[in-house]
Amino acid sequence: MKKIRKNYNLEFKMQAVSLSEQRGNVSSIAQKLEICKESLVTWRKLHKEGKLTYEKQISSDPIREKLLRLRKGLEETKLERDILRKAVGIFSKKDG
């Protein structure tokens, strides 16, 4: 039988971490929430590192950051190109 991977939203993860920190027993909290103990341990670790927050998360991977920066630059270049095309079209029209 195929195992289905569950996805939990950030709010659920934050509440689970908060509950586990208050009560202290990770395995019993995981069992009550019907989640894997290892997932809760990972979420707690990410929370301590400051990576599990409500703020927009940006990857610390330098390759990913470079890719995002290049994509943003490409979008700006496309916008500039489109503006120049429109300007050429406007100025090349003959008054008639």
C-alpha atoms as a PDB file:
ATOM      1  CA  MET A   1       0.000   0.000   0.000  1.00  0.00           C
ATOM      2  CA  LYS A   2       1.251   3.463  -0.904  1.00  0.00           C
ATOM      3  CA  LYS A   3       2.097   5.763   1.987  1.00  0.00           C
ATOM      4  CA  ILE A   4       0.507   9.203   1.640  1.00  0.00           C
ATOM      5  CA  ARG A   5       2.623  12.152   2.684  1.00  0.00           C
ATOM      6  CA  LYS A   6       0.748  14.751   4.700  1.00  0.00           C
ATOM      7  CA  ASN A   7       1.437  18.457   4.343  1.00  0.00           C
ATOM      8  CA  TYR A   8       0.892  20.694   7.342  1.00  0.00           C
ATOM      9  CA  ASN A   9       0.493  24.447   7.141  1.00  0.00           C
ATOM     10  CA  LEU A  10       2.777  26.820   9.001  1.00  0.00           C
ATOM     11  CA  GLU A  11       0.155  27.732  11.598  1.00  0.00           C
ATOM     12  CA  PHE A  12      -0.323  24.074  12.572  1.00  0.00           C
ATOM     13  CA  LYS A  13       3.435  23.591  12.862  1.00  0.00           C
ATOM     14  CA  MET A  14       3.831  26.691  15.043  1.00  0.00           C
ATOM     15  CA  GLN A  15       1.002  25.590  17.344  1.00  0.00           C
ATOM     16  CA  ALA A  16       2.452  22.084  17.611  1.00  0.00           C
ATOM     17  CA  VAL A  17       5.886  23.485  18.499  1.00  0.00           C
ATOM     18  CA  SER A  18       4.380  25.841  21.061  1.00  0.00           C
ATOM     19  CA  LEU A  19       2.385  23.035  22.659  1.00  0.00           C
ATOM     20  CA  SER A  20       5.399  20.728  22.771  1.00  0.00           C
ATOM     21  CA  GLU A  21       7.526  23.445  24.383  1.00  0.00           C
ATOM     22  CA  GLN A  22       4.866  24.091  27.037  1.00  0.00           C
ATOM     23  CA  ARG A  23       4.347  20.455  27.910  1.00  0.00           C
ATOM     24  CA  GLY A  24       7.889  19.226  27.254  1.00  0.00           C
ATOM     25  CA  ASN A  25       6.990  15.724  26.073  1.00  0.00           C
ATOM     26  CA  VAL A  26       7.435  15.542  22.301  1.00  0.00           C
ATOM     27  CA  SER A  27       6.297  11.961  21.785  1.00  0.00           C
ATOM     28  CA  SER A  28       2.993  12.331  23.648  1.00  0.00           C
ATOM     29  CA  ILE A  29       2.178  15.611  21.869  1.00  0.00           C
ATOM     30  CA  ALA A  30       2.988  14.049  18.504  1.00  0.00           C
ATOM     31  CA  GLN A  31       0.739  11.114  19.311  1.00  0.00           C
ATOM     32  CA  LYS A  32      -2.149  13.387  20.376  1.00  0.00           C
ATOM     33  CA  LEU A  33      -1.802  15.496  17.220  1.00  0.00           C
ATOM     34  CA  GLU A  34      -1.483  12.333  15.103  1.00  0.00           C
ATOM     35  CA  ILE A  35       1.811  13.405  13.573  1.00  0.00           C
ATOM     36  CA  CYS A  36       5.189  11.746  13.324  1.00  0.00           C
ATOM     37  CA  LYS A  37       7.477  12.406  16.297  1.00  0.00           C
ATOM     38  CA  GLU A  38      10.398  13.100  13.959  1.00  0.00           C
ATOM     39  CA  SER A  39       8.396  15.815  12.195  1.00  0.00           C
ATOM     40  CA  LEU A  40       7.741  17.594  15.476  1.00  0.00           C
ATOM     41  CA  VAL A  41      11.410  17.330  16.453  1.00  0.00           C
ATOM     42  CA  THR A  42      12.373  18.832  13.068  1.00  0.00           C
ATOM     43  CA  TRP A  43       9.861  21.663  13.460  1.00  0.00           C
ATOM     44  CA  ARG A  44      11.211  22.449  16.937  1.00  0.00           C
ATOM     45  CA  LYS A  45      14.758  22.542  15.557  1.00  0.00           C
ATOM     46  CA  LEU A  46      13.718  24.874  12.721  1.00  0.00           C
ATOM     47  CA  HIS A  47      11.883  27.093  15.206  1.00  0.00           C
ATOM     48  CA  LYS A  48      14.984  27.392  17.413  1.00  0.00           C
ATOM     49  CA  GLU A  49      17.050  28.316  14.350  1.00  0.00           C
ATOM     50  CA  GLY A  50      14.505  31.001  13.435  1.00  0.00           C
ATOM     51  CA  LYS A  51      13.551  29.319  10.165  1.00  0.00           C
ATOM     52  CA  LEU A  52       9.997  28.405  11.146  1.00  0.00           C
ATOM     53  CA  THR A  53       8.307  31.790  11.284  1.00  0.00           C
ATOM     54  CA  TYR A  54       5.258  33.562   9.931  1.00  0.00           C
ATOM     55  CA  GLU A  55       7.470  35.861   7.892  1.00  0.00           C
ATOM     56  CA  LYS A  56       8.227  35.030   4.284  1.00  0.00           C
ATOM     57  CA  GLN A  57      11.020  32.509   4.274  1.00  0.00           C
ATOM     58  CA  ILE A  58      13.922  32.965   1.880  1.00  0.00           C
ATOM     59  CA  SER A  59      16.181  30.056   1.256  1.00  0.00           C
ATOM     60  CA  SER A  60      19.752  30.402   2.480  1.00  0.00           C
ATOM     61  CA  ASP A  61      20.945  28.356  -0.491  1.00  0.00           C
ATOM     62  CA  PRO A  62      23.226  30.684  -2.512  1.00  0.00           C
ATOM     63  CA  ILE A  63      22.302  29.071  -5.829  1.00  0.00           C
ATOM     64  CA  ARG A  64      18.601  29.569  -5.145  1.00  0.00           C
ATOM     65  CA  GLU A  65      19.188  33.187  -4.123  1.00  0.00           C
ATOM     66  CA  LYS A  66      21.113  33.824  -7.331  1.00  0.00           C
ATOM     67  CA  LEU A  67      18.342  32.216  -9.374  1.00  0.00           C
ATOM     68  CA  LEU A  68      15.720  34.445  -7.724  1.00  0.00           C
ATOM     69  CA  ARG A  69      17.861  37.536  -8.328  1.00  0.00           C
ATOM     70  CA  LEU A  70      18.369  36.615 -11.998  1.00  0.00           C
ATOM     71  CA  ARG A  71      14.649  35.979 -12.511  1.00  0.00           C
ATOM     72  CA  LYS A  72      13.831  39.380 -11.020  1.00  0.00           C
ATOM     73  CA  GLY A  73      16.390  41.016 -13.313  1.00  0.00           C
ATOM     74  CA  LEU A  74      14.923  39.216 -16.318  1.00  0.00           C
ATOM     75  CA  GLU A  75      11.426  40.484 -15.486  1.00  0.00           C
ATOM     76  CA  GLU A  76      12.728  44.054 -15.221  1.00  0.00           C
ATOM     77  CA  THR A  77      14.523  43.706 -18.567  1.00  0.00           C
ATOM     78  CA  LYS A  78      11.370  42.383 -20.239  1.00  0.00           C
ATOM     79  CA  LEU A  79       9.386  45.320 -18.871  1.00  0.00           C
ATOM     80  CA  GLU A  80      11.959  47.794 -20.189  1.00  0.00           C
ATOM     81  CA  ARG A  81      11.927  46.072 -23.589  1.00  0.00           C
ATOM     82  CA  ASP A  82       8.142  46.289 -23.801  1.00  0.00           C
ATOM     83  CA  ILE A  83       8.208  49.983 -22.910  1.00  0.00           C
ATOM     84  CA  LEU A  84      10.818  50.676 -25.600  1.00  0.00           C
ATOM     85  CA  ARG A  85       8.781  48.756 -28.200  1.00  0.00           C
ATOM     86  CA  LYS A  86       5.729  50.876 -27.428  1.00  0.00           C
ATOM     87  CA  ALA A  87       7.801  54.055 -27.582  1.00  0.00           C
ATOM     88  CA  VAL A  88       9.201  53.110 -31.003  1.00  0.00           C
ATOM     89  CA  GLY A  89       5.673  52.400 -32.215  1.00  0.00           C
ATOM     90  CA  ILE A  90       4.419  55.767 -30.990  1.00  0.00           C
ATOM     91  CA  PHE A  91       7.309  57.803 -32.438  1.00  0.00           C
ATOM     92  CA  SER A  92       7.407  55.973 -35.765  1.00  0.00           C
ATOM     93  CA  LYS A  93       3.762  56.741 -36.578  1.00  0.00           C
ATOM     94  CA  LYS A  94       3.357  59.302 -39.302  1.00  0.00           C
ATOM     95  CA  ASP A  95       1.026  62.205 -38.754  1.00  0.00           C
ATOM     96  CA  GLY A  96      -1.519  61.822 -41.379  1.00  0.00           C
END
